[in-house]
Amino acid sequence: MSSVVERVQDVVQPIVDSHHFELVDIEFVKEGKSWYLRVYIDKPAGITLEDCAMISEEISETLDSIDPDPIPQAYYLEVSSPGAERPLKKEADYQRALNSYVHISLYQAVAGAKIYEGTLTAVTPDELTLSVKVKTRRKEFTFARQQIAQARLAIEF
């Protein structure tokens, strides 16, 4: 379904940019019997419900006007904020998350674990470094970007 996401991104990006919002992510997924096109947007002051409704209307009108239809099957369009646990995908996301609490999922276990949560203390093009609380002290872990399956902001409890 990545080809659908790519086609839709070419349509959605100019709409989001025209309002000076950030396009965080696009997903096209099947859940049960239904397909969902999810568009996540953000802005420095945070996205409002009105912002989501406005962008949703513009995306819907634009996608409906394209021939041939970039999404031939029926689907639900959802436009929303990425939320408090926003995914980290672009380099700017990682830079913005520096010194923030993050959740990292790895493809393969490192030191016996595939999931780490801690403070993102360093970002390079090849690696991320987390300061993780292990029992009563902090330990630094450095992960190659190729090891990381998913990264997102997290809420520290």
N, C-alpha and C. Protein backbone atom coordinates (compact mmCIF):
# COMPACT_ATOMS: atom_id res chain seq x y z
N MET A 1 0.81 -1.20 0.00
CA MET A 1 0.00 0.00 0.00
C MET A 1 0.86 1.27 0.00
N SER A 2 2.18 1.10 -0.03
CA SER A 2 3.04 2.28 -0.03
C SER A 2 2.83 3.13 -1.28
N SER A 3 2.45 2.50 -2.41
CA SER A 3 2.21 3.28 -3.62
C SER A 3 1.01 4.22 -3.44
N VAL A 4 -0.01 3.77 -2.70
CA VAL A 4 -1.16 4.64 -2.41
C VAL A 4 -0.69 5.81 -1.55
N VAL A 5 0.11 5.53 -0.53
CA VAL A 5 0.62 6.58 0.34
C VAL A 5 1.44 7.59 -0.46
N GLU A 6 2.29 7.09 -1.36
CA GLU A 6 3.11 7.99 -2.18
C GLU A 6 2.26 8.87 -3.08
N ARG A 7 1.24 8.28 -3.72
CA ARG A 7 0.36 9.06 -4.60
C ARG A 7 -0.41 10.11 -3.79
N VAL A 8 -0.90 9.69 -2.63
CA VAL A 8 -1.67 10.60 -1.79
C VAL A 8 -0.78 11.70 -1.22
N GLN A 9 0.45 11.36 -0.87
CA GLN A 9 1.35 12.37 -0.31
C GLN A 9 1.59 13.51 -1.31
N ASP A 10 1.69 13.17 -2.59
CA ASP A 10 1.88 14.20 -3.62
C ASP A 10 0.70 15.17 -3.67
N VAL A 11 -0.49 14.70 -3.30
CA VAL A 11 -1.69 15.53 -3.27
C VAL A 11 -1.80 16.29 -1.95
N VAL A 12 -1.52 15.61 -0.85
CA VAL A 12 -1.73 16.16 0.49
C VAL A 12 -0.67 17.20 0.87
N GLN A 13 0.57 16.96 0.50
CA GLN A 13 1.67 17.85 0.93
C GLN A 13 1.42 19.32 0.57
N PRO A 14 1.03 19.64 -0.67
CA PRO A 14 0.78 21.06 -1.00
C PRO A 14 -0.38 21.67 -0.20
N ILE A 15 -1.40 20.86 0.09
CA ILE A 15 -2.54 21.36 0.88
C ILE A 15 -2.08 21.72 2.28
N VAL A 16 -1.35 20.82 2.91
CA VAL A 16 -0.86 21.04 4.27
C VAL A 16 0.12 22.22 4.29
N ASP A 17 1.02 22.26 3.33
CA ASP A 17 2.00 23.36 3.25
C ASP A 17 1.32 24.72 3.07
N SER A 18 0.22 24.76 2.32
CA SER A 18 -0.45 26.04 2.06
C SER A 18 -1.01 26.67 3.34
N HIS A 19 -1.21 25.87 4.36
CA HIS A 19 -1.70 26.38 5.66
C HIS A 19 -0.57 26.51 6.68
N HIS A 20 0.66 26.27 6.23
CA HIS A 20 1.85 26.35 7.09
C HIS A 20 1.80 25.34 8.23
N PHE A 21 1.22 24.17 7.93
CA PHE A 21 1.21 23.05 8.87
C PHE A 21 2.32 22.09 8.46
N GLU A 22 2.59 21.13 9.32
CA GLU A 22 3.57 20.08 9.02
C GLU A 22 2.83 18.78 8.74
N LEU A 23 3.18 18.12 7.65
CA LEU A 23 2.65 16.78 7.38
C LEU A 23 3.55 15.81 8.13
N VAL A 24 3.00 15.19 9.18
CA VAL A 24 3.78 14.30 10.04
C VAL A 24 3.85 12.90 9.43
N ASP A 25 2.71 12.39 8.99
CA ASP A 25 2.69 11.02 8.49
C ASP A 25 1.39 10.77 7.73
N ILE A 26 1.43 9.75 6.87
CA ILE A 26 0.24 9.27 6.17
C ILE A 26 0.25 7.75 6.27
N GLU A 27 -0.90 7.18 6.60
CA GLU A 27 -1.06 5.72 6.65
C GLU A 27 -2.26 5.33 5.81
N PHE A 28 -2.14 4.21 5.13
CA PHE A 28 -3.29 3.61 4.44
C PHE A 28 -3.34 2.17 4.91
N VAL A 29 -4.30 1.87 5.79
CA VAL A 29 -4.33 0.56 6.44
C VAL A 29 -5.72 -0.05 6.39
N LYS A 30 -5.74 -1.38 6.42
CA LYS A 30 -7.01 -2.11 6.48
C LYS A 30 -7.19 -2.59 7.91
N GLU A 31 -8.34 -2.26 8.48
CA GLU A 31 -8.69 -2.72 9.82
C GLU A 31 -10.05 -3.38 9.72
N GLY A 32 -10.08 -4.67 9.97
CA GLY A 32 -11.31 -5.43 9.77
C GLY A 32 -11.63 -5.43 8.28
N LYS A 33 -12.82 -5.02 7.93
CA LYS A 33 -13.23 -4.99 6.53
C LYS A 33 -13.05 -3.62 5.89
N SER A 34 -12.62 -2.64 6.67
CA SER A 34 -12.57 -1.26 6.19
C SER A 34 -11.14 -0.76 5.98
N TRP A 35 -10.99 0.11 5.00
CA TRP A 35 -9.72 0.78 4.73
C TRP A 35 -9.75 2.19 5.32
N TYR A 36 -8.61 2.63 5.85
CA TYR A 36 -8.50 3.95 6.45
C TYR A 36 -7.30 4.69 5.86
N LEU A 37 -7.54 5.91 5.42
CA LEU A 37 -6.46 6.81 5.02
C LEU A 37 -6.31 7.80 6.18
N ARG A 38 -5.19 7.71 6.88
CA ARG A 38 -4.97 8.57 8.03
C ARG A 38 -3.86 9.57 7.71
N VAL A 39 -4.18 10.83 7.92
CA VAL A 39 -3.24 11.92 7.67
C VAL A 39 -3.01 12.62 9.01
N TYR A 40 -1.75 12.68 9.43
CA TYR A 40 -1.38 13.32 10.69
C TYR A 40 -0.70 14.65 10.40
N ILE A 41 -1.23 15.72 10.99
CA ILE A 41 -0.69 17.06 10.77
C ILE A 41 -0.37 17.71 12.11
N ASP A 42 0.49 18.72 12.07
CA ASP A 42 0.85 19.42 13.29
C ASP A 42 1.27 20.84 12.95
N LYS A 43 1.33 21.66 13.98
CA LYS A 43 1.88 23.02 13.88
C LYS A 43 2.42 23.37 15.26
N PRO A 44 3.30 24.36 15.35
CA PRO A 44 3.94 24.66 16.64
C PRO A 44 2.96 24.88 17.79
N ALA A 45 1.85 25.54 17.55
CA ALA A 45 0.89 25.81 18.63
C ALA A 45 -0.06 24.63 18.87
N GLY A 46 0.07 23.57 18.07
CA GLY A 46 -0.82 22.43 18.18
C GLY A 46 -1.99 22.54 17.22
N ILE A 47 -2.46 21.40 16.78
CA ILE A 47 -3.55 21.33 15.81
C ILE A 47 -4.89 21.34 16.53
N THR A 48 -5.84 22.07 15.98
CA THR A 48 -7.19 22.13 16.56
C THR A 48 -8.12 21.24 15.75
N LEU A 49 -9.29 21.00 16.30
CA LEU A 49 -10.32 20.24 15.60
C LEU A 49 -10.72 20.96 14.31
N GLU A 50 -10.79 22.29 14.36
CA GLU A 50 -11.13 23.07 13.17
C GLU A 50 -10.06 22.92 12.08
N ASP A 51 -8.79 22.89 12.48
CA ASP A 51 -7.71 22.67 11.52
C ASP A 51 -7.88 21.32 10.82
N CYS A 52 -8.17 20.28 11.60
CA CYS A 52 -8.35 18.94 11.04
C CYS A 52 -9.53 18.90 10.08
N ALA A 53 -10.63 19.52 10.46
CA ALA A 53 -11.82 19.53 9.60
C ALA A 53 -11.53 20.26 8.28
N MET A 54 -10.85 21.39 8.36
CA MET A 54 -10.54 22.17 7.17
C MET A 54 -9.64 21.37 6.21
N ILE A 55 -8.58 20.77 6.75
CA ILE A 55 -7.66 20.00 5.92
C ILE A 55 -8.36 18.77 5.36
N SER A 56 -9.21 18.12 6.16
CA SER A 56 -9.95 16.95 5.71
C SER A 56 -10.83 17.29 4.50
N GLU A 57 -11.54 18.41 4.59
CA GLU A 57 -12.40 18.83 3.48
C GLU A 57 -11.59 19.08 2.21
N GLU A 58 -10.46 19.77 2.36
CA GLU A 58 -9.63 20.08 1.18
C GLU A 58 -9.05 18.81 0.57
N ILE A 59 -8.57 17.90 1.41
CA ILE A 59 -8.01 16.65 0.90
C ILE A 59 -9.10 15.84 0.20
N SER A 60 -10.26 15.73 0.83
CA SER A 60 -11.37 14.97 0.26
C SER A 60 -11.78 15.52 -1.11
N GLU A 61 -11.96 16.84 -1.19
CA GLU A 61 -12.35 17.46 -2.47
C GLU A 61 -11.30 17.21 -3.55
N THR A 62 -10.04 17.36 -3.17
CA THR A 62 -8.96 17.19 -4.14
C THR A 62 -8.87 15.74 -4.61
N LEU A 63 -8.90 14.79 -3.67
CA LEU A 63 -8.81 13.37 -4.06
C LEU A 63 -10.00 12.96 -4.92
N ASP A 64 -11.20 13.48 -4.61
CA ASP A 64 -12.39 13.14 -5.39
C ASP A 64 -12.34 13.69 -6.81
N SER A 65 -11.55 14.74 -7.03
CA SER A 65 -11.48 15.36 -8.35
C SER A 65 -10.44 14.72 -9.27
N ILE A 66 -9.61 13.85 -8.75
CA ILE A 66 -8.53 13.24 -9.54
C ILE A 66 -9.07 12.06 -10.34
N ASP A 67 -8.71 12.04 -11.63
CA ASP A 67 -9.09 10.93 -12.49
C ASP A 67 -7.84 10.44 -13.20
N PRO A 68 -7.43 9.18 -13.05
CA PRO A 68 -8.11 8.11 -12.33
C PRO A 68 -7.93 8.28 -10.81
N ASP A 69 -8.85 7.71 -10.08
CA ASP A 69 -8.87 7.79 -8.62
C ASP A 69 -7.60 7.16 -8.04
N PRO A 70 -6.85 7.91 -7.22
CA PRO A 70 -5.62 7.34 -6.64
C PRO A 70 -5.89 6.24 -5.62
N ILE A 71 -7.14 6.18 -5.12
CA ILE A 71 -7.52 5.13 -4.16
C ILE A 71 -8.82 4.51 -4.68
N PRO A 72 -8.71 3.42 -5.44
CA PRO A 72 -9.90 2.86 -6.08
C PRO A 72 -10.92 2.24 -5.12
N GLN A 73 -10.49 1.72 -3.98
CA GLN A 73 -11.44 1.10 -3.05
C GLN A 73 -12.04 2.14 -2.11
N ALA A 74 -13.15 1.77 -1.47
CA ALA A 74 -13.79 2.65 -0.49
C ALA A 74 -12.88 2.75 0.74
N TYR A 75 -12.86 3.93 1.35
CA TYR A 75 -12.01 4.14 2.53
C TYR A 75 -12.58 5.26 3.37
N TYR A 76 -12.12 5.33 4.60
CA TYR A 76 -12.46 6.43 5.51
C TYR A 76 -11.25 7.34 5.60
N LEU A 77 -11.47 8.64 5.49
CA LEU A 77 -10.41 9.63 5.64
C LEU A 77 -10.43 10.16 7.06
N GLU A 78 -9.28 10.08 7.73
CA GLU A 78 -9.14 10.63 9.09
C GLU A 78 -7.96 11.58 9.09
N VAL A 79 -8.18 12.81 9.54
CA VAL A 79 -7.12 13.80 9.68
C VAL A 79 -7.03 14.15 11.16
N SER A 80 -5.83 14.03 11.72
CA SER A 80 -5.68 14.29 13.15
C SER A 80 -4.28 14.74 13.50
N SER A 81 -4.14 15.11 14.76
CA SER A 81 -2.84 15.42 15.34
C SER A 81 -2.10 14.10 15.57
N PRO A 82 -0.78 14.11 15.56
CA PRO A 82 -0.05 12.88 15.85
C PRO A 82 -0.13 12.48 17.32
N GLY A 83 -0.59 13.39 18.17
CA GLY A 83 -0.75 13.08 19.59
C GLY A 83 0.52 13.27 20.39
N ALA A 84 0.41 13.01 21.66
CA ALA A 84 1.53 13.21 22.58
C ALA A 84 2.68 12.24 22.29
N GLU A 85 2.34 11.06 21.78
CA GLU A 85 3.38 10.08 21.47
C GLU A 85 3.64 10.05 19.97
N ARG A 86 3.96 11.21 19.47
CA ARG A 86 4.20 11.45 18.06
C ARG A 86 5.35 10.58 17.54
N PRO A 87 5.19 9.99 16.35
CA PRO A 87 6.27 9.19 15.78
C PRO A 87 7.46 10.07 15.36
N LEU A 88 8.63 9.49 15.43
CA LEU A 88 9.85 10.17 14.97
C LEU A 88 10.25 9.49 13.67
N LYS A 89 10.12 10.20 12.57
CA LYS A 89 10.41 9.61 11.26
C LYS A 89 11.45 10.41 10.50
N LYS A 90 11.31 11.73 10.52
CA LYS A 90 12.21 12.59 9.76
C LYS A 90 13.34 13.06 10.66
N GLU A 91 14.40 13.51 10.03
CA GLU A 91 15.55 14.02 10.79
C GLU A 91 15.13 15.17 11.70
N ALA A 92 14.26 16.03 11.22
CA ALA A 92 13.79 17.16 12.03
C ALA A 92 13.05 16.68 13.27
N ASP A 93 12.34 15.54 13.16
CA ASP A 93 11.65 14.98 14.32
C ASP A 93 12.64 14.57 15.40
N TYR A 94 13.72 13.93 14.98
CA TYR A 94 14.75 13.50 15.95
C TYR A 94 15.43 14.71 16.59
N GLN A 95 15.72 15.72 15.80
CA GLN A 95 16.38 16.91 16.34
C GLN A 95 15.46 17.61 17.35
N ARG A 96 14.17 17.68 17.03
CA ARG A 96 13.20 18.32 17.92
C ARG A 96 13.03 17.51 19.21
N ALA A 97 13.24 16.19 19.13
CA ALA A 97 13.06 15.30 20.28
C ALA A 97 14.30 15.21 21.17
N LEU A 98 15.37 15.85 20.77
CA LEU A 98 16.59 15.83 21.58
C LEU A 98 16.27 16.31 22.99
N ASN A 99 16.75 15.57 23.97
CA ASN A 99 16.51 15.83 25.41
C ASN A 99 15.07 15.56 25.84
N SER A 100 14.32 14.84 25.02
CA SER A 100 12.96 14.44 25.37
C SER A 100 12.94 12.93 25.65
N TYR A 101 11.88 12.51 26.32
CA TYR A 101 11.70 11.10 26.64
C TYR A 101 11.13 10.39 25.41
N VAL A 102 11.77 9.31 24.96
CA VAL A 102 11.35 8.62 23.75
C VAL A 102 11.26 7.10 23.97
N HIS A 103 10.52 6.47 23.07
CA HIS A 103 10.34 5.02 23.04
C HIS A 103 10.99 4.53 21.75
N ILE A 104 11.87 3.54 21.85
CA ILE A 104 12.55 2.97 20.70
C ILE A 104 12.26 1.48 20.64
N SER A 105 11.79 0.99 19.49
CA SER A 105 11.62 -0.45 19.26
C SER A 105 12.69 -0.87 18.27
N LEU A 106 13.35 -1.98 18.57
CA LEU A 106 14.44 -2.48 17.73
C LEU A 106 14.00 -3.71 16.94
N TYR A 107 14.67 -3.93 15.81
CA TYR A 107 14.40 -5.13 15.02
C TYR A 107 14.87 -6.38 15.75
N GLN A 108 16.03 -6.26 16.40
CA GLN A 108 16.60 -7.39 17.15
C GLN A 108 17.02 -6.91 18.52
N ALA A 109 16.98 -7.81 19.48
CA ALA A 109 17.31 -7.46 20.86
C ALA A 109 18.77 -7.01 21.00
N VAL A 110 18.96 -6.00 21.84
CA VAL A 110 20.29 -5.51 22.22
C VAL A 110 20.33 -5.57 23.74
N ALA A 111 21.35 -6.22 24.28
CA ALA A 111 21.48 -6.39 25.73
C ALA A 111 20.21 -7.00 26.32
N GLY A 112 19.60 -7.94 25.57
CA GLY A 112 18.44 -8.67 26.07
C GLY A 112 17.09 -8.00 25.90
N ALA A 113 17.02 -6.83 25.26
CA ALA A 113 15.73 -6.14 25.10
C ALA A 113 15.57 -5.59 23.69
N LYS A 114 14.31 -5.56 23.23
CA LYS A 114 13.99 -4.97 21.93
C LYS A 114 13.32 -3.61 22.08
N ILE A 115 12.94 -3.24 23.32
CA ILE A 115 12.27 -1.96 23.56
C ILE A 115 13.02 -1.19 24.63
N TYR A 116 13.28 0.08 24.32
CA TYR A 116 13.98 0.96 25.26
C TYR A 116 13.21 2.27 25.37
N GLU A 117 13.15 2.82 26.58
CA GLU A 117 12.60 4.14 26.80
C GLU A 117 13.59 4.93 27.64
N GLY A 118 13.82 6.16 27.21
CA GLY A 118 14.75 7.01 27.94
C GLY A 118 14.84 8.37 27.29
N THR A 119 15.77 9.16 27.79
CA THR A 119 15.97 10.51 27.27
C THR A 119 16.92 10.45 26.07
N LEU A 120 16.49 11.03 24.96
CA LEU A 120 17.32 11.08 23.76
C LEU A 120 18.39 12.14 23.99
N THR A 121 19.64 11.70 24.14
CA THR A 121 20.72 12.62 24.50
C THR A 121 21.61 13.00 23.32
N ALA A 122 21.61 12.20 22.26
CA ALA A 122 22.45 12.53 21.10
C ALA A 122 21.83 11.95 19.84
N VAL A 123 21.97 12.71 18.75
CA VAL A 123 21.46 12.29 17.45
C VAL A 123 22.54 12.58 16.42
N THR A 124 22.91 11.56 15.66
CA THR A 124 23.81 11.75 14.52
C THR A 124 23.12 11.12 13.31
N PRO A 125 23.64 11.33 12.13
CA PRO A 125 23.00 10.70 10.96
C PRO A 125 22.98 9.16 11.04
N ASP A 126 23.89 8.57 11.83
CA ASP A 126 23.98 7.12 11.89
C ASP A 126 23.49 6.50 13.19
N GLU A 127 23.40 7.30 14.28
CA GLU A 127 23.12 6.72 15.60
C GLU A 127 22.23 7.62 16.45
N LEU A 128 21.58 6.97 17.43
CA LEU A 128 20.84 7.67 18.47
C LEU A 128 21.38 7.19 19.81
N THR A 129 21.47 8.09 20.77
CA THR A 129 21.90 7.70 22.12
C THR A 129 20.80 8.03 23.10
N LEU A 130 20.46 7.04 23.93
CA LEU A 130 19.45 7.19 24.96
C LEU A 130 20.08 7.04 26.33
N SER A 131 19.61 7.86 27.27
CA SER A 131 19.95 7.70 28.67
C SER A 131 18.77 6.99 29.32
N VAL A 132 18.98 5.74 29.72
CA VAL A 132 17.91 4.88 30.21
C VAL A 132 18.10 4.63 31.69
N LYS A 133 17.03 4.73 32.45
CA LYS A 133 17.10 4.42 33.87
C LYS A 133 17.02 2.91 34.05
N VAL A 134 18.07 2.35 34.61
CA VAL A 134 18.13 0.92 34.89
C VAL A 134 18.21 0.77 36.41
N LYS A 135 17.11 0.33 37.00
CA LYS A 135 16.94 0.25 38.45
C LYS A 135 17.16 1.63 39.07
N THR A 136 18.28 1.87 39.73
CA THR A 136 18.48 3.15 40.43
C THR A 136 19.47 4.08 39.76
N ARG A 137 20.02 3.68 38.61
CA ARG A 137 20.99 4.55 37.94
C ARG A 137 20.71 4.66 36.45
N ARG A 138 21.36 5.61 35.81
CA ARG A 138 21.18 5.83 34.38
C ARG A 138 22.31 5.16 33.61
N LYS A 139 21.94 4.61 32.46
CA LYS A 139 22.91 3.96 31.59
C LYS A 139 22.70 4.47 30.17
N GLU A 140 23.78 4.71 29.46
CA GLU A 140 23.73 5.20 28.08
C GLU A 140 23.71 4.01 27.11
N PHE A 141 22.80 4.06 26.14
CA PHE A 141 22.73 3.06 25.07
C PHE A 141 22.78 3.81 23.75
N THR A 142 23.62 3.35 22.84
CA THR A 142 23.71 3.93 21.51
C THR A 142 23.25 2.89 20.51
N PHE A 143 22.33 3.29 19.63
CA PHE A 143 21.76 2.39 18.64
C PHE A 143 22.03 2.92 17.24
N ALA A 144 22.43 2.02 16.35
CA ALA A 144 22.56 2.39 14.94
C ALA A 144 21.16 2.60 14.38
N ARG A 145 21.01 3.55 13.50
CA ARG A 145 19.68 3.83 12.93
C ARG A 145 19.07 2.60 12.25
N GLN A 146 19.93 1.74 11.66
CA GLN A 146 19.42 0.54 10.99
C GLN A 146 18.81 -0.45 11.97
N GLN A 147 19.15 -0.36 13.25
CA GLN A 147 18.59 -1.26 14.26
C GLN A 147 17.18 -0.86 14.68
N ILE A 148 16.80 0.37 14.40
CA ILE A 148 15.56 0.93 14.94
C ILE A 148 14.38 0.65 14.00
N ALA A 149 13.41 -0.09 14.54
CA ALA A 149 12.20 -0.40 13.79
C ALA A 149 11.21 0.76 13.88
N GLN A 150 11.12 1.36 15.07
CA GLN A 150 10.16 2.45 15.29
C GLN A 150 10.67 3.33 16.43
N ALA A 151 10.42 4.62 16.30
CA ALA A 151 10.76 5.57 17.37
C ALA A 151 9.62 6.56 17.50
N ARG A 152 9.34 6.94 18.75
CA ARG A 152 8.27 7.91 19.00
C ARG A 152 8.53 8.60 20.32
N LEU A 153 7.90 9.77 20.49
CA LEU A 153 7.93 10.42 21.79
C LEU A 153 7.16 9.52 22.76
N ALA A 154 7.48 9.61 24.03
CA ALA A 154 6.80 8.80 25.04
C ALA A 154 6.50 9.67 26.25
N ILE A 155 5.56 9.19 27.03
CA ILE A 155 5.22 9.89 28.27
C ILE A 155 5.89 9.16 29.41
N GLU A 156 6.67 9.88 30.19
CA GLU A 156 7.41 9.27 31.29
C GLU A 156 6.54 9.21 32.54
N PHE A 157 6.46 8.03 33.11
CA PHE A 157 5.68 7.85 34.33
C PHE A 157 6.58 7.71 35.54
